[in-house]
Amino acid sequence: MHGWVVLGRGIIGILWVAWVAYWLVAARHTLTNQRTESLLTGASYRILLVLGIILLAYPGYRLGPTNPLLWPQSAITVAIGQGLTIIGLSIAVWARRHLGKYWSGRITLKVDHHVIQTGPYAFVRHPIYSGILLALLGTVISIGTVLSCIAIVFMFASFVVKLKIEERWLRAHLGAEYEEYRRRVKALIPSVV
């Protein structure tokens, strides 16, 4: 494998580590929870997420008969992957910063919870998930293996499960205001999904 491919993938890894570090620091500044997911609810989406992370991070780079490359590795595929990863992580950070104290890594309702409809939330209801999925797509493009593609499917499924539970909670808690927002703004991709 060419040095620039290894370097490009290394940069993507550094981007993810920096993003996780920011996420952990920012998690300390949130409002009190009014309602929090149960252990079983959390497991319903976290198991899929962890399986995806394992497939992507550990064996995703190891080539072999059970994990062949699906497309040639080149400076172009790695650059596209880096670009999408940077854009996706930036969207997630923008959304996280805009959500502010209402953010939680778990499914929760915060005290005084209300509908956020500005910033990236004017374009999609779940821009953090949109950004992370875009960044994951970029990472998978830069890796290009069967297991990395399977990993993103697990992670996408995880976000869909979590999103559906969150939507149910928000609709029940916020009522007509959230229903109107939901009718007007798509969940993950502006004007599409």
Protein backbone atom coordinates (compact mmCIF):
# COMPACT_ATOMS: atom_id res chain seq x y z
CA MET A 1 0.00 0.00 0.00
CA HIS A 2 1.31 3.44 -0.88
CA GLY A 3 2.55 5.76 1.86
CA TRP A 4 0.04 8.47 0.99
CA VAL A 5 -2.85 6.04 1.48
CA VAL A 6 -1.53 5.11 4.93
CA LEU A 7 -0.96 8.79 5.75
CA GLY A 8 -4.42 9.74 4.53
CA ARG A 9 -6.05 7.04 6.63
CA GLY A 10 -3.94 8.12 9.59
CA ILE A 11 -5.26 11.67 9.23
CA ILE A 12 -8.82 10.33 9.19
CA GLY A 13 -8.05 8.38 12.38
CA ILE A 14 -6.70 11.55 14.02
CA LEU A 15 -9.86 13.44 13.00
CA TRP A 16 -12.02 10.80 14.70
CA VAL A 17 -9.89 10.83 17.87
CA ALA A 18 -10.09 14.65 18.03
CA TRP A 19 -13.84 14.50 17.51
CA VAL A 20 -14.30 11.91 20.29
CA ALA A 21 -12.15 14.03 22.64
CA TYR A 22 -14.29 17.10 21.91
CA TRP A 23 -17.46 15.05 22.38
CA LEU A 24 -16.34 13.81 25.81
CA VAL A 25 -15.41 17.29 27.01
CA ALA A 26 -18.63 18.85 25.69
CA ALA A 27 -20.72 16.12 27.35
CA ARG A 28 -20.05 17.65 30.76
CA HIS A 29 -22.11 20.76 29.98
CA THR A 30 -25.72 19.58 29.72
CA LEU A 31 -29.00 20.16 31.52
CA THR A 32 -30.52 17.80 34.05
CA ASN A 33 -32.40 14.85 32.60
CA GLN A 34 -36.14 14.64 33.10
CA ARG A 35 -36.36 11.18 31.54
CA THR A 36 -33.56 8.77 30.57
CA GLU A 37 -33.52 5.63 28.47
CA SER A 38 -33.55 2.25 30.18
CA LEU A 39 -30.65 -0.16 29.96
CA LEU A 40 -32.60 -2.30 27.49
CA THR A 41 -33.47 0.71 25.30
CA GLY A 42 -29.81 1.77 25.24
CA ALA A 43 -28.72 -1.75 24.34
CA SER A 44 -31.20 -1.84 21.44
CA TYR A 45 -29.07 0.58 19.43
CA ARG A 46 -25.67 0.45 21.15
CA ILE A 47 -25.03 -3.21 20.31
CA LEU A 48 -25.34 -2.39 16.59
CA LEU A 49 -23.09 0.65 17.03
CA VAL A 50 -20.39 -1.30 18.86
CA LEU A 51 -20.45 -4.07 16.23
CA GLY A 52 -20.01 -1.43 13.53
CA ILE A 53 -17.14 0.25 15.38
CA ILE A 54 -15.37 -3.09 15.84
CA LEU A 55 -15.74 -3.95 12.16
CA LEU A 56 -14.58 -0.51 11.08
CA ALA A 57 -11.75 0.14 13.51
CA TYR A 58 -10.17 -3.24 14.06
CA PRO A 59 -10.35 -5.57 11.08
CA GLY A 60 -11.44 -2.87 8.64
CA TYR A 61 -7.86 -2.25 7.58
CA ARG A 62 -6.79 -5.90 7.34
CA LEU A 63 -7.08 -7.27 3.83
CA GLY A 64 -7.69 -10.93 3.17
CA PRO A 65 -10.03 -13.40 1.51
CA THR A 66 -12.87 -12.46 3.86
CA ASN A 67 -12.17 -8.72 3.64
CA PRO A 68 -11.15 -7.80 0.08
CA LEU A 69 -10.90 -4.30 -1.30
CA LEU A 70 -14.02 -3.25 -3.17
CA TRP A 71 -12.33 -0.44 -5.11
CA PRO A 72 -8.74 0.55 -5.79
CA GLN A 73 -7.02 2.67 -3.17
CA SER A 74 -5.72 5.92 -4.58
CA ALA A 75 -4.98 9.47 -3.58
CA ILE A 76 -8.39 10.40 -4.99
CA THR A 77 -10.41 7.89 -2.93
CA VAL A 78 -8.52 8.81 0.24
CA ALA A 79 -8.93 12.56 -0.47
CA ILE A 80 -12.68 12.09 -1.06
CA GLY A 81 -12.86 10.09 2.16
CA GLN A 82 -10.98 12.78 4.09
CA GLY A 83 -13.18 15.53 2.67
CA LEU A 84 -16.41 13.74 3.58
CA THR A 85 -15.06 12.88 7.03
CA ILE A 86 -14.10 16.51 7.69
CA ILE A 87 -17.45 17.84 6.44
CA GLY A 88 -19.43 15.22 8.38
CA LEU A 89 -17.59 15.73 11.67
CA SER A 90 -17.90 19.49 11.24
CA ILE A 91 -21.68 19.19 10.79
CA ALA A 92 -21.90 17.01 13.90
CA VAL A 93 -19.86 19.53 15.94
CA TRP A 94 -21.93 22.44 14.61
CA ALA A 95 -25.14 20.63 15.55
CA ARG A 96 -23.78 19.62 18.96
CA ARG A 97 -22.71 23.20 19.72
CA HIS A 98 -26.06 24.54 18.50
CA LEU A 99 -28.00 22.05 20.63
CA GLY A 100 -25.90 23.09 23.62
CA LYS A 101 -27.15 21.98 27.00
CA TYR A 102 -29.98 19.94 25.48
CA TRP A 103 -27.54 17.39 24.03
CA SER A 104 -27.15 13.90 25.45
CA GLY A 105 -25.39 10.79 24.22
CA ARG A 106 -28.27 8.76 25.56
CA ILE A 107 -31.95 9.08 24.73
CA THR A 108 -33.19 11.63 27.23
CA LEU A 109 -35.65 14.42 27.73
CA LYS A 110 -34.10 17.41 29.46
CA VAL A 111 -35.76 19.63 32.02
CA ASP A 112 -37.49 22.44 30.08
CA HIS A 113 -36.96 20.53 26.82
CA HIS A 114 -38.16 22.35 23.71
CA VAL A 115 -37.91 22.01 19.94
CA ILE A 116 -34.65 23.34 18.47
CA GLN A 117 -35.38 24.52 14.92
CA THR A 118 -32.46 26.82 14.13
CA GLY A 119 -28.92 26.32 12.84
CA PRO A 120 -28.48 22.84 11.34
CA TYR A 121 -31.84 21.86 12.90
CA ALA A 122 -33.52 24.09 10.30
CA PHE A 123 -32.32 21.64 7.61
CA VAL A 124 -32.69 18.22 9.30
CA ARG A 125 -34.13 17.04 12.61
CA HIS A 126 -31.08 14.93 13.48
CA PRO A 127 -28.02 16.75 12.08
CA ILE A 128 -25.62 15.08 14.51
CA TYR A 129 -26.55 11.69 13.06
CA SER A 130 -26.39 13.12 9.53
CA GLY A 131 -22.90 14.47 10.15
CA ILE A 132 -21.61 11.29 11.76
CA LEU A 133 -23.04 9.14 8.96
CA LEU A 134 -21.41 11.39 6.34
CA ALA A 135 -18.09 11.15 8.19
CA LEU A 136 -18.48 7.36 8.38
CA LEU A 137 -19.16 7.23 4.65
CA GLY A 138 -15.94 9.17 4.07
CA THR A 139 -14.03 6.79 6.32
CA VAL A 140 -15.46 3.76 4.51
CA ILE A 141 -14.56 5.25 1.12
CA SER A 142 -10.97 5.65 2.30
CA ILE A 143 -10.83 2.05 3.58
CA GLY A 144 -12.80 0.40 0.79
CA THR A 145 -13.16 -3.09 2.23
CA VAL A 146 -16.13 -5.41 2.58
CA LEU A 147 -16.02 -5.23 6.39
CA SER A 148 -15.94 -1.43 6.38
CA CYS A 149 -19.10 -1.42 4.24
CA ILE A 150 -20.79 -3.90 6.58
CA ALA A 151 -19.72 -1.69 9.51
CA ILE A 152 -21.51 1.37 8.15
CA VAL A 153 -24.68 -0.69 7.67
CA PHE A 154 -24.60 -1.67 11.37
CA MET A 155 -23.96 1.94 12.39
CA PHE A 156 -26.70 3.28 10.14
CA ALA A 157 -29.12 0.74 11.62
CA SER A 158 -28.06 1.85 15.11
CA PHE A 159 -28.84 5.48 14.33
CA VAL A 160 -32.21 4.56 12.77
CA VAL A 161 -33.22 2.58 15.88
CA LYS A 162 -32.12 5.43 18.17
CA LEU A 163 -33.77 8.06 15.98
CA LYS A 164 -37.12 6.24 16.01
CA ILE A 165 -37.11 5.99 19.80
CA GLU A 166 -36.14 9.67 20.16
CA GLU A 167 -38.86 10.69 17.73
CA ARG A 168 -41.46 8.76 19.71
CA TRP A 169 -40.36 10.45 22.95
CA LEU A 170 -40.25 13.92 21.41
CA ARG A 171 -43.67 13.55 19.80
CA ALA A 172 -45.20 12.43 23.09
CA HIS A 173 -43.47 15.13 25.14
CA LEU A 174 -43.57 18.13 22.80
CA GLY A 175 -46.84 17.43 21.00
CA ALA A 176 -48.10 19.68 18.20
CA GLU A 177 -44.95 21.82 18.02
CA TYR A 178 -42.80 18.78 17.28
CA GLU A 179 -45.38 17.31 14.89
CA GLU A 180 -45.33 20.52 12.84
CA TYR A 181 -41.52 20.54 12.85
CA ARG A 182 -41.50 16.87 11.84
CA ARG A 183 -43.84 17.51 8.89
CA ARG A 184 -41.72 20.44 7.69
CA VAL A 185 -38.15 19.14 8.21
CA LYS A 186 -36.73 15.79 7.08
CA ALA A 187 -34.91 13.53 9.57
CA LEU A 188 -31.44 13.02 8.05
CA ILE A 189 -31.05 14.41 4.52
CA PRO A 190 -32.57 17.81 3.63
CA SER A 191 -35.62 17.44 1.36
CA VAL A 192 -35.03 13.65 1.02
CA VAL A 193 -35.27 11.47 4.14
